[in-house]
C-alpha atoms as a PDB file:
ATOM      1  CA  MET A   1     -10.168  25.660  21.486  1.00  0.00           C
ATOM      2  CA  ARG A   2     -13.921  26.161  22.099  1.00  0.00           C
ATOM      3  CA  GLU A   3     -16.284  23.296  22.899  1.00  0.00           C
ATOM      4  CA  LEU A   4     -18.738  22.029  20.315  1.00  0.00           C
ATOM      5  CA  THR A   5     -22.452  22.410  20.868  1.00  0.00           C
ATOM      6  CA  GLU A   6     -24.606  19.195  20.706  1.00  0.00           C
ATOM      7  CA  GLU A   7     -25.994  20.330  17.295  1.00  0.00           C
ATOM      8  CA  GLU A   8     -22.472  20.966  15.843  1.00  0.00           C
ATOM      9  CA  MET A   9     -21.330  17.579  17.142  1.00  0.00           C
ATOM     10  CA  VAL A  10     -24.281  15.796  15.573  1.00  0.00           C
ATOM     11  CA  GLY A  11     -23.684  17.630  12.302  1.00  0.00           C
ATOM     12  CA  LYS A  12     -19.990  16.628  12.283  1.00  0.00           C
ATOM     13  CA  LEU A  13     -20.772  13.004  13.118  1.00  0.00           C
ATOM     14  CA  TYR A  14     -23.366  12.959  10.364  1.00  0.00           C
ATOM     15  CA  ALA A  15     -20.864  14.286   7.862  1.00  0.00           C
ATOM     16  CA  PHE A  16     -18.288  11.669   8.921  1.00  0.00           C
ATOM     17  CA  SER A  17     -20.965   8.959   8.625  1.00  0.00           C
ATOM     18  CA  LEU A  18     -21.376   9.900   4.886  1.00  0.00           C
ATOM     19  CA  ASP A  19     -17.820   9.239   4.268  1.00  0.00           C
ATOM     20  CA  SER A  20     -17.169   6.251   1.927  1.00  0.00           C
ATOM     21  CA  ASN A  21     -14.551   4.725   4.251  1.00  0.00           C
ATOM     22  CA  ASP A  22     -17.249   3.414   6.659  1.00  0.00           C
ATOM     23  CA  ILE A  23     -15.321   4.596   9.641  1.00  0.00           C
ATOM     24  CA  ILE A  24     -18.392   6.157  11.363  1.00  0.00           C
ATOM     25  CA  ASN A  25     -21.781   4.597  10.902  1.00  0.00           C
ATOM     26  CA  VAL A  26     -25.166   5.636  12.255  1.00  0.00           C
ATOM     27  CA  ASN A  27     -26.346   2.867  14.546  1.00  0.00           C
ATOM     28  CA  SER A  28     -29.790   3.995  15.481  1.00  0.00           C
ATOM     29  CA  GLY A  29     -32.040   6.982  15.361  1.00  0.00           C
ATOM     30  CA  ASN A  30     -32.204   9.894  12.832  1.00  0.00           C
ATOM     31  CA  ALA A  31     -28.639  10.692  11.957  1.00  0.00           C
ATOM     32  CA  GLN A  32     -29.314  14.463  11.980  1.00  0.00           C
ATOM     33  CA  GLN A  33     -31.091  14.621  15.270  1.00  0.00           C
ATOM     34  CA  PRO A  34     -29.731  14.567  18.858  1.00  0.00           C
ATOM     35  CA  GLY A  35     -29.948  11.140  20.480  1.00  0.00           C
ATOM     36  CA  ALA A  36     -28.748   9.248  17.357  1.00  0.00           C
ATOM     37  CA  SER A  37     -26.192   6.542  18.071  1.00  0.00           C
ATOM     38  CA  TYR A  38     -22.981   6.243  16.140  1.00  0.00           C
ATOM     39  CA  VAL A  39     -20.483   3.294  15.845  1.00  0.00           C
ATOM     40  CA  ILE A  40     -16.784   4.040  15.120  1.00  0.00           C
ATOM     41  CA  ASN A  41     -14.772   1.287  13.429  1.00  0.00           C
ATOM     42  CA  PHE A  42     -11.396   1.801  14.988  1.00  0.00           C
ATOM     43  CA  THR A  43      -9.761  -0.842  12.841  1.00  0.00           C
ATOM     44  CA  LYS A  44     -10.628   0.933   9.662  1.00  0.00           C
ATOM     45  CA  PHE A  45      -9.732   4.209  11.306  1.00  0.00           C
ATOM     46  CA  ASN A  46      -6.230   2.883  12.180  1.00  0.00           C
ATOM     47  CA  GLU A  47      -5.809   1.528   8.767  1.00  0.00           C
ATOM     48  CA  MET A  48      -6.655   4.807   7.220  1.00  0.00           C
ATOM     49  CA  LEU A  49      -4.221   6.701   9.491  1.00  0.00           C
ATOM     50  CA  ALA A  50      -1.405   4.176   8.605  1.00  0.00           C
ATOM     51  CA  ARG A  51      -2.117   4.491   4.887  1.00  0.00           C
ATOM     52  CA  ARG A  52      -2.071   8.221   5.033  1.00  0.00           C
ATOM     53  CA  GLN A  53       1.138   8.223   7.067  1.00  0.00           C
ATOM     54  CA  ILE A  54       2.855   5.971   4.588  1.00  0.00           C
ATOM     55  CA  GLU A  55       1.571   8.223   1.685  1.00  0.00           C
ATOM     56  CA  SER A  56       2.920  11.281   3.531  1.00  0.00           C
ATOM     57  CA  ILE A  57       6.348   9.615   3.952  1.00  0.00           C
ATOM     58  CA  ILE A  58       6.308   8.544   0.243  1.00  0.00           C
ATOM     59  CA  ASN A  59       5.263  12.029  -0.867  1.00  0.00           C
ATOM     60  CA  THR A  60       8.073  13.671   1.230  1.00  0.00           C
ATOM     61  CA  GLN A  61      10.722  11.182  -0.060  1.00  0.00           C
ATOM     62  CA  TYR A  62       9.826  10.481  -3.631  1.00  0.00           C
ATOM     63  CA  GLY A  63       7.342  13.167  -4.589  1.00  0.00           C
ATOM     64  CA  PRO A  64       3.715  13.336  -5.598  1.00  0.00           C
ATOM     65  CA  ASP A  65       4.178  11.059  -8.598  1.00  0.00           C
ATOM     66  CA  ALA A  66       5.331   8.185  -6.462  1.00  0.00           C
ATOM     67  CA  THR A  67       2.380   8.823  -4.051  1.00  0.00           C
ATOM     68  CA  ARG A  68      -0.094   8.536  -6.965  1.00  0.00           C
ATOM     69  CA  ILE A  69       1.586   5.282  -7.977  1.00  0.00           C
ATOM     70  CA  TYR A  70       1.303   4.021  -4.335  1.00  0.00           C
ATOM     71  CA  ARG A  71      -2.398   4.979  -4.211  1.00  0.00           C
ATOM     72  CA  LEU A  72      -3.077   3.185  -7.496  1.00  0.00           C
ATOM     73  CA  LEU A  73      -1.369   0.007  -6.332  1.00  0.00           C
ATOM     74  CA  SER A  74      -3.334   0.285  -3.060  1.00  0.00           C
ATOM     75  CA  SER A  75      -6.557   0.182  -4.868  1.00  0.00           C
ATOM     76  CA  ARG A  76      -5.738  -2.739  -7.234  1.00  0.00           C
ATOM     77  CA  GLU A  77      -4.586  -6.241  -6.827  1.00  0.00           C
ATOM     78  CA  LEU A  78      -1.811  -6.412  -9.500  1.00  0.00           C
ATOM     79  CA  CYS A  79      -0.688  -3.908 -12.163  1.00  0.00           C
ATOM     80  CA  GLU A  80       1.829  -4.133 -14.870  1.00  0.00           C
ATOM     81  CA  ASP A  81       4.440  -1.385 -14.879  1.00  0.00           C
ATOM     82  CA  LYS A  82       3.144  -0.095 -18.413  1.00  0.00           C
ATOM     83  CA  GLU A  83      -0.415   0.018 -17.035  1.00  0.00           C
ATOM     84  CA  VAL A  84       0.769   1.952 -13.955  1.00  0.00           C
ATOM     85  CA  ALA A  85       2.496   4.450 -16.112  1.00  0.00           C
ATOM     86  CA  ASP A  86      -0.541   4.921 -18.360  1.00  0.00           C
ATOM     87  CA  ILE A  87      -2.937   5.429 -15.343  1.00  0.00           C
ATOM     88  CA  VAL A  88      -0.861   7.830 -13.477  1.00  0.00           C
ATOM     89  CA  MET A  89       0.114   9.618 -16.628  1.00  0.00           C
ATOM     90  CA  LEU A  90       3.852   9.278 -16.393  1.00  0.00           C
ATOM     91  CA  ARG A  91       6.612   8.238 -18.834  1.00  0.00           C
ATOM     92  CA  ALA A  92       7.225   4.481 -18.366  1.00  0.00           C
ATOM     93  CA  LYS A  93      10.824   5.289 -17.457  1.00  0.00           C
ATOM     94  CA  ASP A  94       9.802   7.602 -14.566  1.00  0.00           C
ATOM     95  CA  SER A  95       7.082   5.221 -13.409  1.00  0.00           C
ATOM     96  CA  ARG A  96       9.452   2.269 -13.332  1.00  0.00           C
ATOM     97  CA  MET A  97      12.107   4.274 -11.408  1.00  0.00           C
ATOM     98  CA  HIS A  98       9.539   5.156  -8.758  1.00  0.00           C
ATOM     99  CA  LEU A  99       8.373   1.563  -8.615  1.00  0.00           C
ATOM    100  CA  PHE A 100      11.800   0.059  -8.122  1.00  0.00           C
ATOM    101  CA  GLN A 101      12.744   2.868  -5.450  1.00  0.00           C
ATOM    102  CA  MET A 102       9.639   1.980  -3.429  1.00  0.00           C
ATOM    103  CA  HIS A 103      10.317  -1.742  -3.967  1.00  0.00           C
ATOM    104  CA  GLU A 104      13.808  -1.237  -2.612  1.00  0.00           C
ATOM    105  CA  GLU A 105      12.306   0.276   0.554  1.00  0.00           C
ATOM    106  CA  ARG A 106       9.706  -2.637   0.691  1.00  0.00           C
ATOM    107  CA  LEU A 107       6.665  -0.343   0.112  1.00  0.00           C
ATOM    108  CA  VAL A 108       5.599  -2.103  -2.975  1.00  0.00           C
ATOM    109  CA  GLN A 109       5.949  -5.698  -3.979  1.00  0.00           C
ATOM    110  CA  MET A 110       7.045  -7.043  -7.387  1.00  0.00           C
ATOM    111  CA  GLN A 111       6.326 -10.271  -9.059  1.00  0.00           C
ATOM    112  CA  GLU A 112       8.420 -11.252 -12.199  1.00  0.00           C
ATOM    113  CA  VAL A 113       6.498 -13.168 -14.816  1.00  0.00           C
ATOM    114  CA  SER A 114       8.606 -14.504 -17.720  1.00  0.00           C
ATOM    115  CA  LYS A 115       6.977 -15.346 -21.090  1.00  0.00           C
ATOM    116  CA  SER A 116       9.657 -17.851 -21.862  1.00  0.00           C
ATOM    117  CA  LYS A 117      11.380 -20.715 -19.980  1.00  0.00           C
ATOM    118  CA  ASP A 118      14.798 -19.204 -20.240  1.00  0.00           C
ATOM    119  CA  PHE A 119      13.775 -16.105 -18.205  1.00  0.00           C
ATOM    120  CA  ASP A 120      15.016 -13.693 -20.803  1.00  0.00           C
ATOM    121  CA  PRO A 121      14.813 -10.170 -19.335  1.00  0.00           C
ATOM    122  CA  ASN A 122      13.389  -8.885 -22.651  1.00  0.00           C
ATOM    123  CA  LYS A 123      10.553 -11.386 -22.361  1.00  0.00           C
ATOM    124  CA  THR A 124       9.808 -10.638 -18.686  1.00  0.00           C
ATOM    125  CA  PHE A 125       7.206  -8.388 -17.313  1.00  0.00           C
ATOM    126  CA  TYR A 126       6.665  -7.139 -13.806  1.00  0.00           C
ATOM    127  CA  LEU A 127       3.481  -7.116 -11.782  1.00  0.00           C
ATOM    128  CA  TRP A 128       3.281  -4.591  -8.936  1.00  0.00           C
ATOM    129  CA  SER A 129       1.182  -4.676  -5.791  1.00  0.00           C
ATOM    130  CA  VAL A 130       0.922  -3.194  -2.316  1.00  0.00           C
ATOM    131  CA  ASN A 131       0.589  -5.274   0.799  1.00  0.00           C
ATOM    132  CA  PRO A 132      -0.470  -2.838   3.438  1.00  0.00           C
ATOM    133  CA  ILE A 133       1.064  -4.835   6.335  1.00  0.00           C
ATOM    134  CA  LEU A 134       4.401  -5.167   4.734  1.00  0.00           C
ATOM    135  CA  ALA A 135       4.377  -1.540   3.795  1.00  0.00           C
ATOM    136  CA  ARG A 136       3.460  -0.582   7.375  1.00  0.00           C
ATOM    137  CA  ASP A 137       6.149  -2.829   8.796  1.00  0.00           C
ATOM    138  CA  ALA A 138       8.809  -1.322   6.448  1.00  0.00           C
ATOM    139  CA  THR A 139       7.794   2.180   7.491  1.00  0.00           C
ATOM    140  CA  VAL A 140       7.958   1.171  11.268  1.00  0.00           C
ATOM    141  CA  ASP A 141      11.461  -0.400  10.741  1.00  0.00           C
ATOM    142  CA  ARG A 142      12.578   2.780   8.990  1.00  0.00           C
ATOM    143  CA  ILE A 143      11.348   4.962  11.825  1.00  0.00           C
ATOM    144  CA  HIS A 144      13.051   2.687  14.392  1.00  0.00           C
ATOM    145  CA  HIS A 145      16.299   2.841  12.478  1.00  0.00           C
ATOM    146  CA  ALA A 146      16.209   6.706  12.322  1.00  0.00           C
ATOM    147  CA  MET A 147      15.378   6.816  16.072  1.00  0.00           C
ATOM    148  CA  HIS A 148      18.330   4.528  16.749  1.00  0.00           C
ATOM    149  CA  ASN A 149      20.628   6.782  14.695  1.00  0.00           C
ATOM    150  CA  VAL A 150      19.509   9.822  16.598  1.00  0.00           C
ATOM    151  CA  ASN A 151      20.163   7.928  19.872  1.00  0.00           C
ATOM    152  CA  ILE A 152      23.626   7.051  18.746  1.00  0.00           C
ATOM    153  CA  GLN A 153      24.411  10.640  17.723  1.00  0.00           C
ATOM    154  CA  LEU A 154      23.113  12.051  20.954  1.00  0.00           C
ATOM    155  CA  SER A 155      25.056   9.540  22.996  1.00  0.00           C
ATOM    156  CA  MET A 156      28.258  10.501  21.079  1.00  0.00           C
ATOM    157  CA  LEU A 157      27.491  14.220  21.757  1.00  0.00           C
ATOM    158  CA  LEU A 158      26.838  13.484  25.478  1.00  0.00           C
ATOM    159  CA  ASN A 159      29.998  11.436  25.831  1.00  0.00           C
ATOM    160  CA  LYS A 160      32.172  14.132  24.314  1.00  0.00           C
ATOM    161  CA  GLY A 161      30.714  16.771  26.571  1.00  0.00           C
ATOM    162  CA  GLU A 162      29.600  18.961  23.710  1.00  0.00           C
ATOM    163  CA  GLN A 163      26.794  21.379  23.967  1.00  0.00           C
ATOM    164  CA  LEU A 164      23.447  19.906  22.847  1.00  0.00           C
ATOM    165  CA  PRO A 165      21.480  21.555  20.040  1.00  0.00           C
ATOM    166  CA  VAL A 166      18.390  23.422  21.457  1.00  0.00           C
ATOM    167  CA  PRO A 167      15.718  21.026  20.375  1.00  0.00           C
ATOM    168  CA  LEU A 168      17.634  18.032  21.833  1.00  0.00           C
ATOM    169  CA  LEU A 169      18.318  20.083  25.044  1.00  0.00           C
ATOM    170  CA  SER A 170      14.622  20.749  25.563  1.00  0.00           C
ATOM    171  CA  ALA A 171      13.839  17.137  25.000  1.00  0.00           C
ATOM    172  CA  THR A 172      16.258  16.063  27.616  1.00  0.00           C
ATOM    173  CA  CYS A 173      14.948  18.661  30.195  1.00  0.00           C
ATOM    174  CA  THR A 174      11.411  17.369  29.875  1.00  0.00           C
ATOM    175  CA  GLY A 175      12.440  13.813  30.299  1.00  0.00           C
ATOM    176  CA  GLU A 176      11.464  12.751  26.807  1.00  0.00           C
ATOM    177  CA  TYR A 177      15.085  11.628  25.960  1.00  0.00           C
ATOM    178  CA  GLU A 178      15.203   9.389  29.128  1.00  0.00           C
ATOM    179  CA  ALA A 179      11.907   7.749  28.252  1.00  0.00           C
ATOM    180  CA  PHE A 180      13.081   7.312  24.609  1.00  0.00           C
ATOM    181  CA  GLN A 181      16.388   5.811  25.770  1.00  0.00           C
ATOM    182  CA  ALA A 182      14.717   3.403  28.070  1.00  0.00           C
ATOM    183  CA  SER A 183      12.557   2.162  25.280  1.00  0.00           C
ATOM    184  CA  MET A 184      15.407   1.276  23.088  1.00  0.00           C
ATOM    185  CA  PRO A 185      16.685  -2.374  23.182  1.00  0.00           C
END
């Protein structure tokens, strides 16, 4: 990888400063000239990375339709399921299926609103939203659970004296497995 010249670095910082996420801002000086000062908002940067990681996981597990639904709910406070289906251009049945799958994984939140006092399901509608902190926590829990399962499987293989698969063998040779095992509760 080659090093960037000062002009290239200034150009890239300027381009990032034009981004609507307000992650990088020009603090002082002419933004396109050397000597300008930039401020990086690491909180927003981390939030953006977390959101993109969650969207990537949703896209992998549930597909691009569910990712569109998640992005829509991230940009709005509350949406009714019919409104979600209309905006993301899906059939109501498919939209509702994705919403309930993501709700089951705690990636989206649901609020039931009944139009009658008897809570008749036919007279109840659902409002959907995304709480980024809860979605992040659910994703972290899921990753920890997967890591724990891998640790259990690896321990079983080691106890049986079986040959380790090549990727696991290379991880144990570099000390990554020991570091991972030490970090587990």
